[in-house]
């Protein structure tokens, strides 16, 4: 029986999302016969965690579904054990990279990867707490439908279960390693107000995440496509495409990855940085691993906090750090594109050593381009005025610190890649919180699915 991890990282109230994702887990178990581990990684405040625990306990028991609601203390205890067993040097630093004391989109997903490995799962299916499912004739449209149809299968075999196949003959024997959709609704990054206030400033700011060597035409195309996801058209019928995945149409609230991808390379653990969880999309595409992109898009909506007072400042800082991270990520992407299929070994597995070398080289990049990015941001936000000008004032004395932190994030990523193999190996031999070693063992001879749904670790 196929064992999967349906993961929901959260740091905000989302009881309704837990109920909805519970329905998706039930759909996966009932429709596909999957053994589903619904994993809620909870970094929210105490009242919200209590509400989430109640929501998890209230899920209707379903054969084949096990629910794990883990707070940060439970996650930390698991990570300490895994890091100790891995024998990796600098265990305290590694723990900080895996569970920092602030927001990290990459780190929370890396924790899901290791916990999925401990649970014996063969894939991770990630959702977000600030999104909901579309409805068709009153019924939710679950992305996991396409994910379980094709993920992990030999690509040539998966071609029968997609609308369109653009699979290249050279990739037919490779596994489908990524299945994803996007979102409909508001921009995925909350910069729409900038576009409304001043389209030129919007262009200048958003184009900062393009490689500096791109032409003006390429940058314009990037600006037009950025953060738009699946647009606004609601779901009416299924469409899916097999081949080199169009990662511009895949969002991390709507993605599934095969274990052979995330068990080889982690995500960047950068803190307070938007987009730090998208690295593996580039790995799959550039390494020529087949993917499926579908149109069961999730509905995106914003939480009010990111548009007011300290929330606005924090969010714009994360956007700034995202732009600065491109100095170190673009060269890695470029090397991966140039390496292509040679990023895979003879068994179609990602060669982490090649990516590690690229990340190490990138960490020493000259900072001049990031100085220019900060100059453009400062000028543009002051032209916008109001709270954007206030944010420019907030940013000005922090420039040197931000430049240092962007480089440190690249160096930390290299460190985590180097430790990742031993961490994954140790996770395989470590029971997830609330389970026994047998519960966490990979499916095999003599293993059986749980009789029903249970909530573990939610107190």
Protein backbone atom coordinates (compact mmCIF):
# COMPACT_ATOMS: atom_id res chain seq x y z
CA UNK A 1 0.00 0.00 0.00
CA UNK A 2 1.30 3.44 -0.94
CA UNK A 3 2.14 5.58 2.09
CA UNK A 4 2.09 9.36 1.65
CA UNK A 5 2.49 12.48 3.76
CA UNK A 6 -0.06 15.27 3.31
CA UNK A 7 1.67 18.18 5.04
CA UNK A 8 0.30 21.45 6.40
CA UNK A 9 2.87 23.79 8.00
CA UNK A 10 1.22 26.68 9.81
CA UNK A 11 1.98 29.62 12.09
CA UNK A 12 -1.51 31.15 12.09
CA UNK A 13 -5.09 30.17 13.02
CA UNK A 14 -6.38 27.70 10.41
CA UNK A 15 -8.90 25.29 11.93
CA UNK A 16 -11.03 25.44 8.78
CA UNK A 17 -8.03 24.50 6.65
CA UNK A 18 -7.33 21.49 8.87
CA UNK A 19 -10.92 20.34 8.36
CA UNK A 20 -10.62 20.81 4.59
CA UNK A 21 -7.29 19.03 4.30
CA UNK A 22 -8.76 16.22 6.38
CA UNK A 23 -11.35 15.81 3.63
CA UNK A 24 -8.55 15.67 1.04
CA UNK A 25 -6.80 12.99 3.08
CA UNK A 26 -10.01 10.99 3.20
CA UNK A 27 -10.38 11.37 -0.56
CA UNK A 28 -6.84 10.06 -1.11
CA UNK A 29 -7.48 7.04 1.10
CA UNK A 30 -10.92 6.25 -0.29
CA UNK A 31 -10.34 7.01 -3.97
CA UNK A 32 -6.78 5.70 -4.32
CA UNK A 33 -6.35 3.32 -1.39
CA UNK A 34 -3.42 5.34 -0.09
CA UNK A 35 -2.21 5.21 3.49
CA UNK A 36 -2.24 8.88 4.39
CA UNK A 37 -0.29 10.54 7.16
CA UNK A 38 -1.82 13.99 7.59
CA UNK A 39 0.94 16.05 9.18
CA UNK A 40 0.18 19.43 10.76
CA UNK A 41 3.39 21.22 11.76
CA UNK A 42 2.20 23.89 14.17
CA UNK A 43 4.26 26.98 14.97
CA UNK A 44 1.29 29.13 15.94
CA UNK A 45 0.56 30.70 19.32
CA UNK A 46 -0.87 28.74 22.24
CA UNK A 47 -4.59 29.55 21.70
CA UNK A 48 -4.32 28.72 18.00
CA UNK A 49 -2.52 25.44 18.70
CA UNK A 50 -5.28 24.44 21.08
CA UNK A 51 -7.87 25.26 18.44
CA UNK A 52 -5.92 23.24 15.88
CA UNK A 53 -5.72 20.27 18.23
CA UNK A 54 -9.50 20.37 18.62
CA UNK A 55 -9.93 20.58 14.85
CA UNK A 56 -7.63 17.61 14.33
CA UNK A 57 -9.49 15.53 16.92
CA UNK A 58 -12.81 16.48 15.31
CA UNK A 59 -11.86 14.99 11.93
CA UNK A 60 -14.13 12.09 11.02
CA UNK A 61 -12.21 8.80 11.44
CA UNK A 62 -11.40 7.34 8.04
CA UNK A 63 -9.70 4.00 7.36
CA UNK A 64 -6.20 4.61 6.08
CA UNK A 65 -5.79 8.13 7.50
CA UNK A 66 -3.60 8.96 10.50
CA UNK A 67 -3.39 12.53 11.76
CA UNK A 68 -0.29 13.98 13.40
CA UNK A 69 -0.52 17.43 15.00
CA UNK A 70 2.94 18.42 16.22
CA UNK A 71 3.90 21.58 18.05
CA UNK A 72 7.42 23.00 17.90
CA UNK A 73 8.57 21.23 21.06
CA UNK A 74 7.66 17.86 19.59
CA UNK A 75 9.32 18.78 16.31
CA UNK A 76 12.44 19.96 18.17
CA UNK A 77 12.72 16.72 20.14
CA UNK A 78 12.47 14.70 16.92
CA UNK A 79 15.08 16.86 15.20
CA UNK A 80 17.50 16.63 18.14
CA UNK A 81 17.34 12.84 17.95
CA UNK A 82 17.82 12.79 14.17
CA UNK A 83 20.71 15.27 14.26
CA UNK A 84 22.43 13.35 17.08
CA UNK A 85 22.07 10.04 15.24
CA UNK A 86 23.32 11.57 12.00
CA UNK A 87 26.68 12.39 13.54
CA UNK A 88 26.76 15.64 11.59
CA UNK A 89 29.09 18.31 13.05
CA UNK A 90 27.67 21.40 14.71
CA UNK A 91 24.40 19.87 15.94
CA UNK A 92 23.18 23.08 17.60
CA UNK A 93 23.67 25.07 14.40
CA UNK A 94 21.87 22.39 12.38
CA UNK A 95 18.95 22.49 14.80
CA UNK A 96 18.74 26.25 14.28
CA UNK A 97 18.68 25.75 10.51
CA UNK A 98 15.92 23.15 10.79
CA UNK A 99 13.83 24.97 13.40
CA UNK A 100 14.75 28.67 13.62
CA UNK A 101 13.06 31.03 16.03
CA UNK A 102 11.49 32.98 13.16
CA UNK A 103 9.65 32.29 9.90
CA UNK A 104 11.41 30.07 7.36
CA UNK A 105 9.39 28.65 4.48
CA UNK A 106 12.20 26.31 3.53
CA UNK A 107 12.87 25.07 7.07
CA UNK A 108 9.25 24.19 7.83
CA UNK A 109 9.08 22.13 4.63
CA UNK A 110 12.43 20.48 5.36
CA UNK A 111 10.96 19.35 8.69
CA UNK A 112 8.04 17.83 6.79
CA UNK A 113 10.51 15.99 4.56
CA UNK A 114 12.37 14.41 7.48
CA UNK A 115 9.17 13.51 9.30
CA UNK A 116 7.76 11.96 6.12
CA UNK A 117 10.92 9.89 5.86
CA UNK A 118 10.55 8.79 9.50
CA UNK A 119 6.96 7.78 8.76
CA UNK A 120 8.05 5.67 5.80
CA UNK A 121 6.25 7.83 3.25
CA UNK A 122 7.22 7.85 -0.42
CA UNK A 123 6.01 11.37 -1.18
CA UNK A 124 5.16 14.72 0.41
CA UNK A 125 2.06 16.65 -0.67
CA UNK A 126 2.21 20.21 0.69
CA UNK A 127 -0.62 22.63 1.32
CA UNK A 128 -0.72 26.08 2.99
CA UNK A 129 -2.88 27.49 5.74
CA UNK A 130 -3.90 30.65 3.86
CA UNK A 131 -5.56 28.92 0.92
CA UNK A 132 -8.71 26.92 0.22
CA UNK A 133 -9.96 24.44 -2.38
CA UNK A 134 -12.07 25.35 -5.37
CA UNK A 135 -15.56 23.87 -5.68
CA UNK A 136 -17.20 22.24 -8.69
CA UNK A 137 -20.93 21.52 -8.35
CA UNK A 138 -20.54 22.09 -4.64
CA UNK A 139 -17.74 19.54 -4.20
CA UNK A 140 -14.10 20.43 -3.41
CA UNK A 141 -11.55 19.99 -6.19
CA UNK A 142 -8.62 18.16 -4.61
CA UNK A 143 -5.14 18.46 -6.20
CA UNK A 144 -4.15 15.12 -4.69
CA UNK A 145 -6.20 13.47 -7.46
CA UNK A 146 -3.55 14.25 -10.06
CA UNK A 147 -0.71 13.77 -7.60
CA UNK A 148 -1.65 10.17 -6.86
CA UNK A 149 -2.46 9.38 -10.48
CA UNK A 150 1.09 10.01 -11.66
CA UNK A 151 3.68 10.81 -8.98
CA UNK A 152 6.52 8.30 -8.73
CA UNK A 153 5.40 6.31 -11.77
CA UNK A 154 7.55 5.62 -14.81
CA UNK A 155 6.82 8.60 -17.02
CA UNK A 156 5.97 6.53 -20.07
CA UNK A 157 3.29 4.72 -18.03
CA UNK A 158 1.93 7.92 -16.51
CA UNK A 159 1.26 9.32 -19.99
CA UNK A 160 -2.02 7.39 -20.13
CA UNK A 161 -3.39 9.40 -17.17
CA UNK A 162 -2.79 12.98 -18.34
CA UNK A 163 -4.60 15.19 -20.81
CA UNK A 164 -1.49 16.03 -22.80
CA UNK A 165 1.94 14.43 -22.97
CA UNK A 166 4.93 16.49 -24.02
CA UNK A 167 7.32 13.83 -22.74
CA UNK A 168 10.63 13.60 -24.55
CA UNK A 169 11.72 10.06 -25.51
CA UNK A 170 14.93 10.46 -23.49
CA UNK A 171 12.85 10.96 -20.33
CA UNK A 172 10.38 8.11 -20.76
CA UNK A 173 12.10 5.78 -18.27
CA UNK A 174 12.48 8.45 -15.58
CA UNK A 175 10.00 8.71 -12.71
CA UNK A 176 7.44 11.49 -12.45
CA UNK A 177 9.08 13.43 -9.65
CA UNK A 178 6.92 16.54 -9.29
CA UNK A 179 3.19 17.06 -9.66
CA UNK A 180 1.74 20.47 -9.04
CA UNK A 181 -0.82 23.11 -9.77
CA UNK A 182 -1.02 26.72 -8.83
CA UNK A 183 -3.61 29.09 -7.38
CA UNK A 184 -6.29 31.44 -8.54
CA UNK A 185 -7.11 34.78 -7.00
CA UNK A 186 -4.80 37.48 -5.71
CA UNK A 187 -1.10 37.61 -6.53
CA UNK A 188 0.87 35.05 -4.55
CA UNK A 189 3.16 37.82 -3.28
CA UNK A 190 1.34 40.78 -1.77
CA UNK A 191 2.67 43.51 -4.09
CA UNK A 192 -0.50 44.23 -6.03
CA UNK A 193 -0.89 47.62 -4.35
CA UNK A 194 2.47 48.70 -5.75
CA UNK A 195 1.24 47.89 -9.25
CA UNK A 196 -1.90 49.93 -8.65
CA UNK A 197 -0.01 52.91 -7.23
CA UNK A 198 2.73 53.09 -9.87
CA UNK A 199 3.18 50.50 -12.66
CA UNK A 200 6.71 51.75 -13.40
CA UNK A 201 7.85 51.30 -9.82
CA UNK A 202 6.22 47.88 -9.86
CA UNK A 203 8.21 46.98 -12.96
CA UNK A 204 11.45 48.29 -11.50
CA UNK A 205 10.99 46.42 -8.22
CA UNK A 206 9.68 43.10 -9.51
CA UNK A 207 12.28 42.91 -12.27
CA UNK A 208 14.95 42.89 -9.56
CA UNK A 209 14.49 39.15 -9.21
CA UNK A 210 15.52 38.57 -12.82
CA UNK A 211 19.12 37.66 -13.64
CA UNK A 212 20.89 40.95 -14.39
CA UNK A 213 22.10 39.62 -17.75
CA UNK A 214 18.55 39.30 -19.06
CA UNK A 215 17.34 41.63 -21.77
CA UNK A 216 14.69 44.28 -21.16
CA UNK A 217 12.22 42.12 -23.07
CA UNK A 218 12.90 39.11 -20.87
CA UNK A 219 12.52 41.19 -17.74
CA UNK A 220 9.23 42.58 -18.98
CA UNK A 221 7.94 39.05 -19.58
CA UNK A 222 9.03 38.10 -16.08
CA UNK A 223 7.21 41.07 -14.54
CA UNK A 224 4.01 40.24 -16.44
CA UNK A 225 4.11 36.58 -15.37
CA UNK A 226 5.30 37.04 -11.80
CA UNK A 227 3.10 35.91 -8.93
CA UNK A 228 0.03 35.41 -11.16
CA UNK A 229 -0.25 31.63 -10.79
CA UNK A 230 -3.23 30.14 -12.60
CA UNK A 231 -4.91 33.50 -13.12
CA UNK A 232 -8.52 33.95 -12.10
CA UNK A 233 -10.41 31.40 -14.22
CA UNK A 234 -12.29 28.94 -11.96
CA UNK A 235 -12.01 25.18 -12.41
CA UNK A 236 -14.45 23.59 -14.85
CA UNK A 237 -12.69 20.42 -16.02
CA UNK A 238 -9.36 18.65 -15.63
CA UNK A 239 -6.31 19.51 -17.68
CA UNK A 240 -2.88 18.03 -17.03
CA UNK A 241 0.41 18.09 -18.92
CA UNK A 242 3.26 15.60 -18.60
CA UNK A 243 6.79 16.60 -19.52
CA UNK A 244 9.29 19.23 -18.46
CA UNK A 245 7.22 20.92 -15.74
CA UNK A 246 6.21 24.54 -16.26
CA UNK A 247 7.29 25.64 -12.80
CA UNK A 248 5.78 29.09 -13.38
CA UNK A 249 2.45 27.31 -12.98
CA UNK A 250 3.29 25.46 -9.78
CA UNK A 251 2.93 26.91 -6.30
CA UNK A 252 4.14 25.47 -3.01
CA UNK A 253 0.59 25.41 -1.63
CA UNK A 254 -0.24 22.90 -4.36
CA UNK A 255 2.63 20.51 -4.91
CA UNK A 256 3.72 16.92 -4.45
CA UNK A 257 7.32 15.72 -4.59
CA UNK A 258 8.66 12.19 -4.82
CA UNK A 259 10.94 11.14 -1.98
CA UNK A 260 13.83 10.60 -4.37
CA UNK A 261 13.95 14.37 -4.85
CA UNK A 262 13.56 15.74 -1.31
CA UNK A 263 15.61 12.97 0.30
CA UNK A 264 18.57 14.00 -1.88
CA UNK A 265 18.50 17.80 -1.56
CA UNK A 266 16.83 20.06 1.04
CA UNK A 267 15.34 23.50 0.58
CA UNK A 268 17.27 26.65 1.50
CA UNK A 269 16.72 27.32 5.22
CA UNK A 270 16.78 31.12 4.84
CA UNK A 271 14.69 32.96 7.41
CA UNK A 272 12.22 35.78 6.76
CA UNK A 273 12.64 35.25 3.00
CA UNK A 274 9.76 34.77 0.58
CA UNK A 275 10.22 32.04 -2.02
CA UNK A 276 12.89 30.13 -0.11
CA UNK A 277 10.87 26.93 -0.54
CA UNK A 278 10.88 26.81 -4.37
CA UNK A 279 14.37 25.47 -4.99
CA UNK A 280 13.38 21.86 -5.66
CA UNK A 281 11.12 22.93 -8.52
CA UNK A 282 14.25 24.15 -10.29
CA UNK A 283 16.09 20.95 -9.38
CA UNK A 284 13.40 18.75 -10.93
CA UNK A 285 13.13 20.85 -14.08
CA UNK A 286 16.84 21.40 -14.66
CA UNK A 287 17.74 17.77 -13.96
CA UNK A 288 15.23 16.74 -16.68
CA UNK A 289 12.99 14.85 -14.27
CA UNK A 290 9.45 14.60 -15.69
CA UNK A 291 6.62 16.38 -13.96
CA UNK A 292 2.88 16.86 -14.30
CA UNK A 293 1.28 20.30 -14.11
CA UNK A 294 -2.50 20.36 -13.63
CA UNK A 295 -5.27 22.93 -13.25
CA UNK A 296 -6.77 21.92 -9.91
CA UNK A 297 -5.64 25.28 -8.59
CA UNK A 298 -6.08 26.28 -4.96
CA UNK A 299 -7.73 29.58 -4.04
CA UNK A 300 -5.21 32.10 -2.69
CA UNK A 301 -6.20 34.71 -0.14
CA UNK A 302 -4.27 37.09 2.08
CA UNK A 303 -4.20 37.28 5.83
CA UNK A 304 -4.90 40.85 7.02
CA UNK A 305 -1.76 41.08 9.14
CA UNK A 306 0.60 41.47 6.19
CA UNK A 307 -1.04 44.76 5.17
CA UNK A 308 -1.05 46.62 8.47
CA UNK A 309 1.58 48.17 10.76
CA UNK A 310 4.32 45.77 11.89
CA UNK A 311 2.87 43.05 9.64
CA UNK A 312 3.38 45.24 6.58
CA UNK A 313 6.98 45.99 7.58
CA UNK A 314 7.73 42.32 8.22
CA UNK A 315 6.23 41.22 4.92
CA UNK A 316 8.04 43.86 2.86
CA UNK A 317 11.28 42.84 4.58
CA UNK A 318 10.68 39.23 3.52
CA UNK A 319 10.11 40.45 -0.04
CA UNK A 320 13.37 42.42 0.12
CA UNK A 321 15.28 39.39 1.33
CA UNK A 322 13.74 37.34 -1.48
CA UNK A 323 15.16 39.80 -4.02
CA UNK A 324 18.58 39.70 -2.36
CA UNK A 325 18.61 35.90 -2.34
CA UNK A 326 18.59 35.91 -6.14
CA UNK A 327 22.25 37.00 -6.19
CA UNK A 328 23.15 33.56 -4.85
CA UNK A 329 20.42 31.41 -6.39
CA UNK A 330 20.61 32.51 -10.04
CA UNK A 331 24.18 31.23 -10.52
CA UNK A 332 23.14 27.87 -9.05
CA UNK A 333 20.14 27.70 -11.37
CA UNK A 334 22.42 28.54 -14.28
CA UNK A 335 24.85 25.75 -13.42
CA UNK A 336 22.02 23.26 -13.01
CA UNK A 337 20.57 24.22 -16.40
CA UNK A 338 23.98 23.81 -18.01
CA UNK A 339 24.51 20.42 -16.34
CA UNK A 340 21.06 19.15 -17.29
CA UNK A 341 20.54 15.39 -17.23
CA UNK A 342 24.06 14.93 -15.84
CA UNK A 343 22.58 16.07 -12.51
CA UNK A 344 21.12 12.56 -12.31
CA UNK A 345 22.94 9.31 -11.62
CA UNK A 346 22.35 6.08 -13.53
CA UNK A 347 19.22 5.40 -11.44
CA UNK A 348 17.72 8.84 -12.24
CA UNK A 349 18.47 10.15 -8.74
CA UNK A 350 19.61 13.72 -8.15
CA UNK A 351 23.35 14.11 -7.56
CA UNK A 352 23.47 16.27 -4.47
CA UNK A 353 27.23 16.72 -4.77
CA UNK A 354 26.90 18.67 -8.02
CA UNK A 355 24.36 21.02 -6.48
CA UNK A 356 26.42 21.42 -3.32
CA UNK A 357 29.45 22.50 -5.37
CA UNK A 358 27.37 25.10 -7.19
CA UNK A 359 25.91 26.49 -3.96
CA UNK A 360 29.37 26.75 -2.39
CA UNK A 361 30.74 28.66 -5.38
CA UNK A 362 27.76 30.99 -5.40
CA UNK A 363 28.15 31.94 -1.74
CA UNK A 364 31.26 33.94 -2.56
CA UNK A 365 29.62 36.22 -5.12
CA UNK A 366 30.43 39.92 -5.24
CA UNK A 367 27.69 41.94 -3.52
CA UNK A 368 27.57 44.86 -5.95
CA UNK A 369 24.38 43.60 -7.59
CA UNK A 370 22.63 43.41 -4.22
CA UNK A 371 23.74 46.95 -3.40
CA UNK A 372 22.04 48.01 -6.64
CA UNK A 373 18.89 46.09 -5.70
CA UNK A 374 18.67 47.96 -2.40
CA UNK A 375 19.21 51.26 -4.21
CA UNK A 376 16.34 50.54 -6.62
CA UNK A 377 14.06 49.50 -3.77
CA UNK A 378 14.87 52.60 -1.77
CA UNK A 379 14.22 54.91 -4.71
CA UNK A 380 11.00 53.16 -5.77
CA UNK A 381 9.47 52.97 -2.30
CA UNK A 382 10.21 56.62 -1.65
CA UNK A 383 8.45 57.50 -4.90
CA UNK A 384 5.40 55.55 -3.71
CA UNK A 385 5.35 57.55 -0.49
CA UNK A 386 3.23 56.79 2.57
CA UNK A 387 3.97 53.55 4.35
CA UNK A 388 6.33 52.50 1.52
CA UNK A 389 8.50 55.56 2.18
CA UNK A 390 8.36 54.68 5.89
CA UNK A 391 9.57 51.19 5.04
CA UNK A 392 12.45 52.69 3.04
CA UNK A 393 13.42 54.60 6.19
CA UNK A 394 13.23 51.32 8.13
CA UNK A 395 15.41 49.58 5.55
CA UNK A 396 18.14 52.21 5.18
CA UNK A 397 20.08 51.56 8.42
CA UNK A 398 19.82 47.79 7.91
CA UNK A 399 21.47 47.61 4.50
CA UNK A 400 24.81 46.19 5.63
CA UNK A 401 23.10 43.66 7.88
CA UNK A 402 20.81 42.51 5.06
CA UNK A 403 23.76 42.06 2.71
CA UNK A 404 25.57 39.98 5.35
CA UNK A 405 22.50 37.88 6.07
CA UNK A 406 21.87 37.11 2.40
CA UNK A 407 25.39 35.73 2.06
CA UNK A 408 25.10 33.85 5.35
CA UNK A 409 21.89 32.23 4.09
CA UNK A 410 23.76 30.92 1.02
CA UNK A 411 26.52 29.53 3.23
CA UNK A 412 23.96 27.91 5.54
CA UNK A 413 22.27 26.27 2.56
CA UNK A 414 25.57 24.67 1.54
CA UNK A 415 26.03 23.43 5.10
CA UNK A 416 22.57 21.87 5.17
CA UNK A 417 23.01 20.16 1.80
CA UNK A 418 26.24 18.63 3.09
CA UNK A 419 24.48 17.29 6.20
CA UNK A 420 21.25 16.29 4.48
CA UNK A 421 22.19 12.74 3.45
CA UNK A 422 23.12 11.70 7.01
CA UNK A 423 20.01 13.46 8.36
CA UNK A 424 17.72 11.56 6.01
CA UNK A 425 19.42 8.28 6.85
CA UNK A 426 19.00 8.97 10.57
CA UNK A 427 15.35 9.95 10.09
CA UNK A 428 14.64 6.53 8.56
CA UNK A 429 15.66 4.97 11.86
CA UNK A 430 13.83 7.44 14.09
CA UNK A 431 10.20 7.19 15.13
CA UNK A 432 8.11 10.26 14.43
CA UNK A 433 6.51 11.81 17.54
CA UNK A 434 3.52 9.80 18.70
CA UNK A 435 4.53 6.67 16.79
CA UNK A 436 6.57 3.57 17.46
CA UNK A 437 9.41 2.39 15.29
CA UNK A 438 7.03 -0.09 13.66
CA UNK A 439 4.49 2.65 12.95
CA UNK A 440 7.20 4.59 11.15
CA UNK A 441 8.68 1.69 9.20
CA UNK A 442 8.45 1.88 5.45
CA UNK A 443 5.65 -0.30 4.01
CA UNK A 444 6.75 -3.82 3.24
CA UNK A 445 6.06 -7.45 3.89
CA UNK A 446 3.92 -7.87 6.99
CA UNK A 447 2.99 -4.18 7.22
CA UNK A 448 -0.65 -3.21 7.30
CA UNK A 449 -2.51 0.10 7.21
CA UNK A 450 -3.99 1.52 10.40
CA UNK A 451 -7.56 0.48 11.04
CA UNK A 452 -8.79 4.06 11.18
CA UNK A 453 -7.92 7.66 11.80
CA UNK A 454 -6.03 8.66 14.92
CA UNK A 455 -4.67 11.94 16.18
CA UNK A 456 -1.14 11.62 17.49
CA UNK A 457 0.89 14.18 19.35
CA UNK A 458 -1.85 16.79 19.42
CA UNK A 459 -1.90 17.50 23.12
